[in-house]
Amino acid sequence: MNRDIVDDVRQGAADALGKTEATAASAKEGILDAIGRVSEIVRTVRGFGLDDFLGTVGLQRKQSPALAVGMFGVGVACGAVLGVILAPMSGEESRKLFKTRMSQLFDKSERKVHATVDDTVEKAKSAFDDAKAKAKDVSSTLEHGVEHATSKVQGLRRAPEMDNGTNGRSR
């Protein structure tokens, strides 16, 4: 019977250990996933270049540099002529408007990046807290199992003393 109790305690401890390892692995996976997301965001922000800006306004680079330079020249000439003819505001006002809109675009991008990073960090913290709580639950369960098994073993140790016929009385 003592062996059954010891086996039960061992099985409970093994189960608790397995659950703790699974919870820790889950938390680790969540944290690594969050770190991966943050790294990806940082790479994206660092990699924001001219091609990305052009893509934002619906343009892209051409494959041939000579063709691109020629088209750029034609565009500049047409734009200059049309700008002088049709300009609804002065050059200074246009530059201010352009500067304001670019500043707004960068501010919006920065807010989105910060929000994404903050969200990812919160998710990582939440996953870690969940894993920590699960580990505490498993630890508590294991402690209760050990206490229960210990009390049973102590009870079994006392039982032979009671069964020797003296019932605790001296002869």
N, C-alpha and C. Protein backbone atom coordinates (compact mmCIF):
# COMPACT_ATOMS: atom_id res chain seq x y z
N MET A 1 0.83 -1.19 0.00
CA MET A 1 0.00 0.00 0.00
C MET A 1 0.87 1.25 0.00
N ASN A 2 1.98 1.25 0.77
CA ASN A 2 2.90 2.40 0.78
C ASN A 2 3.46 2.63 -0.62
N ARG A 3 3.72 1.55 -1.30
CA ARG A 3 4.28 1.66 -2.65
C ARG A 3 3.27 2.34 -3.59
N ASP A 4 1.98 2.04 -3.43
CA ASP A 4 0.94 2.67 -4.25
C ASP A 4 0.91 4.17 -4.02
N ILE A 5 1.02 4.57 -2.78
CA ILE A 5 1.01 6.00 -2.46
C ILE A 5 2.23 6.68 -3.05
N VAL A 6 3.38 6.06 -2.88
CA VAL A 6 4.61 6.63 -3.43
C VAL A 6 4.51 6.72 -4.95
N ASP A 7 3.96 5.68 -5.58
CA ASP A 7 3.78 5.70 -7.04
C ASP A 7 2.81 6.80 -7.44
N ASP A 8 1.73 6.98 -6.65
CA ASP A 8 0.78 8.06 -6.94
C ASP A 8 1.45 9.43 -6.84
N VAL A 9 2.27 9.59 -5.82
CA VAL A 9 2.98 10.86 -5.64
C VAL A 9 3.95 11.08 -6.81
N ARG A 10 4.66 10.03 -7.17
CA ARG A 10 5.58 10.17 -8.30
C ARG A 10 4.84 10.51 -9.59
N GLN A 11 3.72 9.84 -9.80
CA GLN A 11 2.92 10.12 -11.00
C GLN A 11 2.41 11.56 -10.97
N GLY A 12 1.93 12.01 -9.81
CA GLY A 12 1.45 13.40 -9.67
C GLY A 12 2.57 14.39 -9.93
N ALA A 13 3.74 14.09 -9.40
CA ALA A 13 4.89 14.97 -9.61
C ALA A 13 5.28 14.98 -11.09
N ALA A 14 5.25 13.83 -11.73
CA ALA A 14 5.60 13.77 -13.16
C ALA A 14 4.58 14.54 -13.99
N ASP A 15 3.29 14.38 -13.64
CA ASP A 15 2.24 15.13 -14.35
C ASP A 15 2.42 16.63 -14.16
N ALA A 16 2.68 17.04 -12.92
CA ALA A 16 2.88 18.46 -12.64
C ALA A 16 4.11 18.98 -13.39
N LEU A 17 5.17 18.21 -13.42
CA LEU A 17 6.38 18.61 -14.14
C LEU A 17 6.09 18.76 -15.62
N GLY A 18 5.35 17.81 -16.18
CA GLY A 18 4.99 17.88 -17.61
C GLY A 18 4.18 19.12 -17.91
N LYS A 19 3.20 19.41 -17.06
CA LYS A 19 2.36 20.61 -17.26
C LYS A 19 3.20 21.87 -17.13
N THR A 20 4.10 21.90 -16.18
CA THR A 20 4.97 23.07 -15.99
C THR A 20 5.86 23.26 -17.21
N GLU A 21 6.43 22.19 -17.71
CA GLU A 21 7.28 22.30 -18.90
C GLU A 21 6.49 22.76 -20.11
N ALA A 22 5.29 22.25 -20.27
CA ALA A 22 4.45 22.66 -21.40
C ALA A 22 4.08 24.14 -21.29
N THR A 23 3.76 24.58 -20.08
CA THR A 23 3.41 25.99 -19.87
C THR A 23 4.62 26.87 -20.13
N ALA A 24 5.77 26.47 -19.65
CA ALA A 24 6.99 27.25 -19.89
C ALA A 24 7.32 27.31 -21.37
N ALA A 25 7.14 26.20 -22.07
CA ALA A 25 7.41 26.17 -23.51
C ALA A 25 6.43 27.09 -24.24
N SER A 26 5.19 27.08 -23.82
CA SER A 26 4.17 27.95 -24.43
C SER A 26 4.53 29.42 -24.20
N ALA A 27 4.93 29.75 -22.99
CA ALA A 27 5.31 31.13 -22.68
C ALA A 27 6.54 31.53 -23.49
N LYS A 28 7.50 30.63 -23.57
CA LYS A 28 8.72 30.92 -24.33
C LYS A 28 8.37 31.16 -25.79
N GLU A 29 7.49 30.33 -26.32
CA GLU A 29 7.08 30.48 -27.73
C GLU A 29 6.38 31.82 -27.94
N GLY A 30 5.52 32.21 -27.00
CA GLY A 30 4.84 33.50 -27.10
C GLY A 30 5.80 34.66 -27.06
N ILE A 31 6.77 34.58 -26.17
CA ILE A 31 7.76 35.66 -26.05
C ILE A 31 8.62 35.72 -27.30
N LEU A 32 9.06 34.57 -27.80
CA LEU A 32 9.87 34.57 -29.01
C LEU A 32 9.08 35.08 -30.21
N ASP A 33 7.80 34.75 -30.27
CA ASP A 33 6.95 35.26 -31.34
C ASP A 33 6.84 36.79 -31.25
N ALA A 34 6.66 37.30 -30.04
CA ALA A 34 6.57 38.75 -29.86
C ALA A 34 7.88 39.43 -30.24
N ILE A 35 9.00 38.84 -29.86
CA ILE A 35 10.30 39.41 -30.22
C ILE A 35 10.47 39.39 -31.73
N GLY A 36 10.03 38.32 -32.37
CA GLY A 36 10.10 38.24 -33.83
C GLY A 36 9.28 39.33 -34.49
N ARG A 37 8.09 39.58 -33.95
CA ARG A 37 7.24 40.64 -34.51
C ARG A 37 7.89 42.00 -34.36
N VAL A 38 8.44 42.26 -33.18
CA VAL A 38 9.11 43.55 -32.96
C VAL A 38 10.30 43.69 -33.90
N SER A 39 11.06 42.63 -34.08
CA SER A 39 12.21 42.67 -35.00
C SER A 39 11.75 42.95 -36.42
N GLU A 40 10.66 42.32 -36.81
CA GLU A 40 10.13 42.54 -38.15
C GLU A 40 9.69 43.99 -38.34
N ILE A 41 9.07 44.56 -37.33
CA ILE A 41 8.65 45.96 -37.41
C ILE A 41 9.86 46.87 -37.52
N VAL A 42 10.88 46.60 -36.72
CA VAL A 42 12.09 47.41 -36.76
C VAL A 42 12.75 47.31 -38.14
N ARG A 43 12.82 46.09 -38.69
CA ARG A 43 13.40 45.93 -40.04
C ARG A 43 12.58 46.69 -41.08
N THR A 44 11.27 46.66 -40.93
CA THR A 44 10.40 47.36 -41.88
C THR A 44 10.63 48.86 -41.80
N VAL A 45 10.69 49.38 -40.60
CA VAL A 45 10.91 50.82 -40.44
C VAL A 45 12.28 51.22 -40.96
N ARG A 46 13.28 50.43 -40.64
CA ARG A 46 14.64 50.74 -41.12
C ARG A 46 14.74 50.63 -42.64
N GLY A 47 13.97 49.74 -43.21
CA GLY A 47 14.04 49.52 -44.65
C GLY A 47 13.15 50.46 -45.45
N PHE A 48 12.50 51.40 -44.79
CA PHE A 48 11.62 52.33 -45.50
C PHE A 48 12.49 53.25 -46.34
N GLY A 49 12.39 53.12 -47.66
CA GLY A 49 13.24 53.90 -48.56
C GLY A 49 12.42 54.59 -49.63
N LEU A 50 13.13 55.03 -50.66
CA LEU A 50 12.50 55.76 -51.74
C LEU A 50 11.45 54.91 -52.45
N ASP A 51 11.73 53.64 -52.66
CA ASP A 51 10.76 52.77 -53.33
C ASP A 51 9.45 52.69 -52.53
N ASP A 52 9.55 52.65 -51.22
CA ASP A 52 8.36 52.62 -50.38
C ASP A 52 7.57 53.92 -50.49
N PHE A 53 8.28 55.03 -50.48
CA PHE A 53 7.61 56.33 -50.62
C PHE A 53 6.92 56.42 -51.97
N LEU A 54 7.63 56.03 -53.03
CA LEU A 54 7.04 56.06 -54.36
C LEU A 54 5.82 55.15 -54.44
N GLY A 55 5.90 53.99 -53.81
CA GLY A 55 4.76 53.08 -53.79
C GLY A 55 3.57 53.67 -53.06
N THR A 56 3.83 54.46 -52.03
CA THR A 56 2.77 55.11 -51.27
C THR A 56 1.97 56.08 -52.15
N VAL A 57 2.66 56.77 -53.05
CA VAL A 57 1.98 57.72 -53.93
C VAL A 57 1.60 57.10 -55.27
N GLY A 58 1.74 55.78 -55.40
CA GLY A 58 1.31 55.09 -56.60
C GLY A 58 2.32 55.04 -57.71
N LEU A 59 3.58 55.20 -57.40
CA LEU A 59 4.65 55.15 -58.41
C LEU A 59 5.62 54.03 -58.08
N GLN A 60 6.49 53.71 -59.03
CA GLN A 60 7.55 52.75 -58.78
C GLN A 60 8.73 53.06 -59.69
N ARG A 61 9.88 52.55 -59.33
CA ARG A 61 11.08 52.77 -60.15
C ARG A 61 11.02 51.92 -61.41
N LYS A 62 11.60 52.44 -62.46
CA LYS A 62 11.70 51.69 -63.72
C LYS A 62 12.97 50.87 -63.69
N GLN A 63 13.02 49.84 -64.50
CA GLN A 63 14.18 48.96 -64.52
C GLN A 63 15.39 49.63 -65.19
N SER A 64 15.16 50.38 -66.24
CA SER A 64 16.25 50.99 -66.97
C SER A 64 16.54 52.38 -66.40
N PRO A 65 17.77 52.66 -65.97
CA PRO A 65 18.09 53.98 -65.41
C PRO A 65 17.96 55.09 -66.47
N ALA A 66 18.36 54.83 -67.70
CA ALA A 66 18.28 55.87 -68.74
C ALA A 66 16.82 56.24 -69.00
N LEU A 67 15.96 55.25 -69.07
CA LEU A 67 14.55 55.52 -69.29
C LEU A 67 13.97 56.28 -68.10
N ALA A 68 14.37 55.89 -66.90
CA ALA A 68 13.87 56.56 -65.71
C ALA A 68 14.30 58.02 -65.69
N VAL A 69 15.56 58.31 -66.02
CA VAL A 69 16.06 59.68 -66.04
C VAL A 69 15.32 60.49 -67.11
N GLY A 70 15.13 59.91 -68.27
CA GLY A 70 14.42 60.60 -69.35
C GLY A 70 12.99 60.92 -68.96
N MET A 71 12.31 59.93 -68.39
CA MET A 71 10.92 60.15 -67.96
C MET A 71 10.86 61.18 -66.84
N PHE A 72 11.82 61.15 -65.96
CA PHE A 72 11.86 62.13 -64.87
C PHE A 72 12.02 63.54 -65.45
N GLY A 73 12.91 63.69 -66.41
CA GLY A 73 13.12 65.00 -67.05
C GLY A 73 11.86 65.50 -67.72
N VAL A 74 11.20 64.63 -68.45
CA VAL A 74 9.95 65.02 -69.11
C VAL A 74 8.91 65.41 -68.06
N GLY A 75 8.84 64.65 -66.99
CA GLY A 75 7.88 64.96 -65.92
C GLY A 75 8.17 66.28 -65.25
N VAL A 76 9.45 66.56 -65.02
CA VAL A 76 9.84 67.84 -64.41
C VAL A 76 9.44 68.99 -65.31
N ALA A 77 9.75 68.87 -66.60
CA ALA A 77 9.43 69.94 -67.54
C ALA A 77 7.92 70.17 -67.61
N CYS A 78 7.16 69.10 -67.75
CA CYS A 78 5.70 69.24 -67.82
C CYS A 78 5.16 69.81 -66.52
N GLY A 79 5.65 69.34 -65.42
CA GLY A 79 5.20 69.82 -64.12
C GLY A 79 5.51 71.29 -63.91
N ALA A 80 6.71 71.71 -64.33
CA ALA A 80 7.08 73.11 -64.17
C ALA A 80 6.16 74.00 -65.00
N VAL A 81 5.92 73.61 -66.23
CA VAL A 81 5.05 74.42 -67.09
C VAL A 81 3.64 74.46 -66.52
N LEU A 82 3.10 73.32 -66.19
CA LEU A 82 1.73 73.30 -65.66
C LEU A 82 1.66 73.98 -64.30
N GLY A 83 2.71 73.85 -63.49
CA GLY A 83 2.73 74.49 -62.18
C GLY A 83 2.68 75.99 -62.28
N VAL A 84 3.42 76.55 -63.23
CA VAL A 84 3.42 78.00 -63.40
C VAL A 84 2.06 78.47 -63.90
N ILE A 85 1.49 77.72 -64.81
CA ILE A 85 0.22 78.13 -65.41
C ILE A 85 -0.95 77.95 -64.44
N LEU A 86 -1.00 76.83 -63.75
CA LEU A 86 -2.17 76.48 -62.97
C LEU A 86 -2.01 76.59 -61.45
N ALA A 87 -0.92 77.12 -60.97
CA ALA A 87 -0.66 77.14 -59.54
C ALA A 87 -1.73 77.93 -58.78
N PRO A 88 -2.46 77.24 -57.86
CA PRO A 88 -3.49 77.95 -57.09
C PRO A 88 -2.91 78.69 -55.89
N MET A 89 -1.66 78.41 -55.57
CA MET A 89 -1.03 79.06 -54.42
C MET A 89 0.44 79.31 -54.73
N SER A 90 1.06 80.12 -53.91
CA SER A 90 2.46 80.47 -54.15
C SER A 90 3.37 79.27 -53.84
N GLY A 91 4.60 79.36 -54.30
CA GLY A 91 5.57 78.29 -54.05
C GLY A 91 5.81 78.08 -52.57
N GLU A 92 5.86 79.16 -51.82
CA GLU A 92 6.09 79.05 -50.38
C GLU A 92 4.93 78.30 -49.71
N GLU A 93 3.71 78.61 -50.11
CA GLU A 93 2.55 77.93 -49.55
C GLU A 93 2.55 76.45 -49.94
N SER A 94 2.93 76.18 -51.18
CA SER A 94 3.00 74.78 -51.64
C SER A 94 4.03 73.99 -50.85
N ARG A 95 5.19 74.60 -50.60
CA ARG A 95 6.24 73.91 -49.83
C ARG A 95 5.77 73.65 -48.39
N LYS A 96 5.08 74.63 -47.81
CA LYS A 96 4.57 74.44 -46.45
C LYS A 96 3.56 73.28 -46.42
N LEU A 97 2.67 73.27 -47.42
CA LEU A 97 1.68 72.21 -47.50
C LEU A 97 2.35 70.84 -47.66
N PHE A 98 3.35 70.78 -48.55
CA PHE A 98 4.07 69.52 -48.76
C PHE A 98 4.77 69.09 -47.47
N LYS A 99 5.43 70.02 -46.82
CA LYS A 99 6.14 69.72 -45.57
C LYS A 99 5.17 69.24 -44.49
N THR A 100 4.02 69.88 -44.41
CA THR A 100 3.01 69.49 -43.41
C THR A 100 2.50 68.09 -43.69
N ARG A 101 2.19 67.81 -44.95
CA ARG A 101 1.66 66.49 -45.29
C ARG A 101 2.71 65.39 -45.07
N MET A 102 3.95 65.68 -45.40
CA MET A 102 5.00 64.68 -45.17
C MET A 102 5.19 64.45 -43.67
N SER A 103 5.15 65.52 -42.90
CA SER A 103 5.28 65.39 -41.45
C SER A 103 4.12 64.56 -40.89
N GLN A 104 2.92 64.78 -41.39
CA GLN A 104 1.76 64.01 -40.94
C GLN A 104 1.93 62.54 -41.31
N LEU A 105 2.43 62.28 -42.52
CA LEU A 105 2.64 60.90 -42.96
C LEU A 105 3.65 60.19 -42.05
N PHE A 106 4.76 60.85 -41.74
CA PHE A 106 5.76 60.23 -40.88
C PHE A 106 5.24 60.08 -39.44
N ASP A 107 4.48 61.06 -38.95
CA ASP A 107 3.91 60.96 -37.60
C ASP A 107 2.93 59.78 -37.52
N LYS A 108 2.11 59.65 -38.55
CA LYS A 108 1.14 58.55 -38.59
C LYS A 108 1.85 57.20 -38.61
N SER A 109 2.91 57.11 -39.43
CA SER A 109 3.69 55.87 -39.50
C SER A 109 4.32 55.57 -38.15
N GLU A 110 4.86 56.58 -37.52
CA GLU A 110 5.52 56.40 -36.23
C GLU A 110 4.50 55.94 -35.18
N ARG A 111 3.30 56.54 -35.18
CA ARG A 111 2.27 56.13 -34.22
C ARG A 111 1.87 54.68 -34.44
N LYS A 112 1.75 54.29 -35.71
CA LYS A 112 1.38 52.90 -36.00
C LYS A 112 2.46 51.94 -35.52
N VAL A 113 3.70 52.29 -35.75
CA VAL A 113 4.80 51.42 -35.31
C VAL A 113 4.80 51.32 -33.79
N HIS A 114 4.66 52.47 -33.11
CA HIS A 114 4.64 52.44 -31.64
C HIS A 114 3.46 51.63 -31.12
N ALA A 115 2.29 51.80 -31.75
CA ALA A 115 1.11 51.05 -31.31
C ALA A 115 1.33 49.55 -31.51
N THR A 116 1.91 49.18 -32.63
CA THR A 116 2.16 47.76 -32.90
C THR A 116 3.18 47.19 -31.90
N VAL A 117 4.23 47.94 -31.65
CA VAL A 117 5.24 47.50 -30.69
C VAL A 117 4.63 47.38 -29.30
N ASP A 118 3.85 48.39 -28.89
CA ASP A 118 3.22 48.34 -27.57
C ASP A 118 2.27 47.16 -27.46
N ASP A 119 1.50 46.92 -28.51
CA ASP A 119 0.57 45.79 -28.52
C ASP A 119 1.32 44.46 -28.41
N THR A 120 2.41 44.35 -29.15
CA THR A 120 3.20 43.12 -29.13
C THR A 120 3.82 42.92 -27.74
N VAL A 121 4.32 43.98 -27.15
CA VAL A 121 4.92 43.88 -25.81
C VAL A 121 3.85 43.47 -24.80
N GLU A 122 2.65 44.06 -24.90
CA GLU A 122 1.57 43.70 -23.98
C GLU A 122 1.18 42.23 -24.13
N LYS A 123 1.13 41.76 -25.38
CA LYS A 123 0.80 40.35 -25.60
C LYS A 123 1.87 39.45 -25.01
N ALA A 124 3.13 39.84 -25.15
CA ALA A 124 4.22 39.04 -24.59
C ALA A 124 4.13 39.03 -23.06
N LYS A 125 3.85 40.19 -22.46
CA LYS A 125 3.70 40.26 -21.00
C LYS A 125 2.54 39.39 -20.54
N SER A 126 1.44 39.46 -21.28
CA SER A 126 0.26 38.67 -20.93
C SER A 126 0.57 37.17 -21.01
N ALA A 127 1.26 36.76 -22.08
CA ALA A 127 1.62 35.35 -22.22
C ALA A 127 2.54 34.91 -21.08
N PHE A 128 3.47 35.76 -20.72
CA PHE A 128 4.39 35.44 -19.63
C PHE A 128 3.63 35.34 -18.31
N ASP A 129 2.71 36.30 -18.05
CA ASP A 129 1.93 36.27 -16.82
C ASP A 129 1.05 35.02 -16.76
N ASP A 130 0.46 34.65 -17.90
CA ASP A 130 -0.35 33.43 -17.94
C ASP A 130 0.49 32.20 -17.63
N ALA A 131 1.66 32.14 -18.22
CA ALA A 131 2.54 31.00 -17.96
C ALA A 131 2.96 30.96 -16.50
N LYS A 132 3.23 32.12 -15.95
CA LYS A 132 3.64 32.20 -14.55
C LYS A 132 2.50 31.72 -13.64
N ALA A 133 1.27 32.16 -13.94
CA ALA A 133 0.12 31.75 -13.14
C ALA A 133 -0.11 30.25 -13.26
N LYS A 134 0.03 29.70 -14.47
CA LYS A 134 -0.15 28.26 -14.65
C LYS A 134 0.92 27.49 -13.88
N ALA A 135 2.14 27.99 -13.91
CA ALA A 135 3.23 27.33 -13.18
C ALA A 135 2.94 27.35 -11.68
N LYS A 136 2.42 28.48 -11.17
CA LYS A 136 2.08 28.56 -9.75
C LYS A 136 0.98 27.56 -9.41
N ASP A 137 -0.02 27.45 -10.30
CA ASP A 137 -1.11 26.49 -10.07
C ASP A 137 -0.58 25.06 -10.01
N VAL A 138 0.29 24.74 -10.95
CA VAL A 138 0.86 23.39 -10.98
C VAL A 138 1.70 23.15 -9.74
N SER A 139 2.47 24.15 -9.33
CA SER A 139 3.30 24.03 -8.14
C SER A 139 2.43 23.82 -6.90
N SER A 140 1.35 24.60 -6.83
CA SER A 140 0.44 24.47 -5.69
C SER A 140 -0.19 23.08 -5.66
N THR A 141 -0.62 22.59 -6.83
CA THR A 141 -1.20 21.26 -6.92
C THR A 141 -0.20 20.20 -6.48
N LEU A 142 1.03 20.36 -6.91
CA LEU A 142 2.08 19.42 -6.54
C LEU A 142 2.33 19.47 -5.04
N GLU A 143 2.37 20.66 -4.45
CA GLU A 143 2.58 20.78 -3.01
C GLU A 143 1.47 20.09 -2.24
N HIS A 144 0.22 20.31 -2.68
CA HIS A 144 -0.90 19.66 -2.00
C HIS A 144 -0.81 18.15 -2.12
N GLY A 145 -0.42 17.65 -3.29
CA GLY A 145 -0.27 16.21 -3.48
C GLY A 145 0.81 15.64 -2.58
N VAL A 146 1.92 16.34 -2.46
CA VAL A 146 3.01 15.87 -1.60
C VAL A 146 2.57 15.89 -0.13
N GLU A 147 1.88 16.97 0.27
CA GLU A 147 1.40 17.04 1.66
C GLU A 147 0.42 15.90 1.95
N HIS A 148 -0.47 15.65 1.00
CA HIS A 148 -1.45 14.57 1.17
C HIS A 148 -0.74 13.22 1.27
N ALA A 149 0.20 12.99 0.37
CA ALA A 149 0.92 11.72 0.39
C ALA A 149 1.73 11.58 1.67
N THR A 150 2.34 12.67 2.12
CA THR A 150 3.13 12.63 3.36
C THR A 150 2.24 12.27 4.55
N SER A 151 1.06 12.88 4.59
CA SER A 151 0.16 12.57 5.71
C SER A 151 -0.30 11.11 5.65
N LYS A 152 -0.52 10.58 4.45
CA LYS A 152 -0.92 9.17 4.33
C LYS A 152 0.21 8.25 4.79
N VAL A 153 1.44 8.58 4.36
CA VAL A 153 2.59 7.75 4.75
C VAL A 153 2.77 7.80 6.26
N GLN A 154 2.63 8.97 6.86
CA GLN A 154 2.76 9.07 8.32
C GLN A 154 1.65 8.29 9.02
N GLY A 155 0.46 8.35 8.43
CA GLY A 155 -0.65 7.57 8.99
C GLY A 155 -0.39 6.08 8.91
N LEU A 156 0.22 5.64 7.81
CA LEU A 156 0.53 4.23 7.66
C LEU A 156 1.65 3.80 8.61
N ARG A 157 2.56 4.70 8.89
CA ARG A 157 3.65 4.38 9.84
C ARG A 157 3.09 4.21 11.25
N ARG A 158 2.08 5.00 11.57
CA ARG A 158 1.48 4.91 12.90
C ARG A 158 0.57 3.69 13.04
N ALA A 159 0.00 3.24 11.94
CA ALA A 159 -0.96 2.13 11.97
C ALA A 159 -0.36 0.85 12.56
N PRO A 160 0.88 0.45 12.24
CA PRO A 160 1.43 -0.78 12.86
C PRO A 160 1.55 -0.65 14.37
N GLU A 161 1.82 0.53 14.86
CA GLU A 161 1.92 0.72 16.31
C GLU A 161 0.58 0.45 16.97
N MET A 162 -0.48 0.85 16.26
CA MET A 162 -1.82 0.67 16.81
C MET A 162 -2.27 -0.78 16.68
N ASP A 163 -1.76 -1.51 15.69
CA ASP A 163 -2.20 -2.89 15.42
C ASP A 163 -1.43 -3.95 16.21
N ASN A 164 -0.45 -3.58 16.99
CA ASN A 164 0.33 -4.59 17.70
C ASN A 164 -0.41 -5.14 18.93
N GLY A 165 -1.65 -4.71 19.09
CA GLY A 165 -2.48 -5.29 20.14
C GLY A 165 -2.48 -4.48 21.41
N THR A 166 -1.66 -3.47 21.50
CA THR A 166 -1.60 -2.71 22.73
C THR A 166 -2.53 -1.52 22.69
N ASN A 167 -2.90 -1.15 21.48
CA ASN A 167 -3.76 0.02 21.31
C ASN A 167 -3.21 1.23 22.04
N GLY A 168 -1.91 1.33 22.01
CA GLY A 168 -1.27 2.48 22.61
C GLY A 168 -1.05 2.35 24.11
N ARG A 169 -1.47 1.21 24.74
CA ARG A 169 -1.28 1.00 26.19
C ARG A 169 -0.05 0.15 26.43
N SER A 170 0.60 0.37 27.48
CA SER A 170 1.77 -0.47 27.82
C SER A 170 1.28 -1.67 28.61
N ARG A 171 2.00 -2.79 28.47
CA ARG A 171 1.57 -4.03 29.13
C ARG A 171 2.16 -4.18 30.46
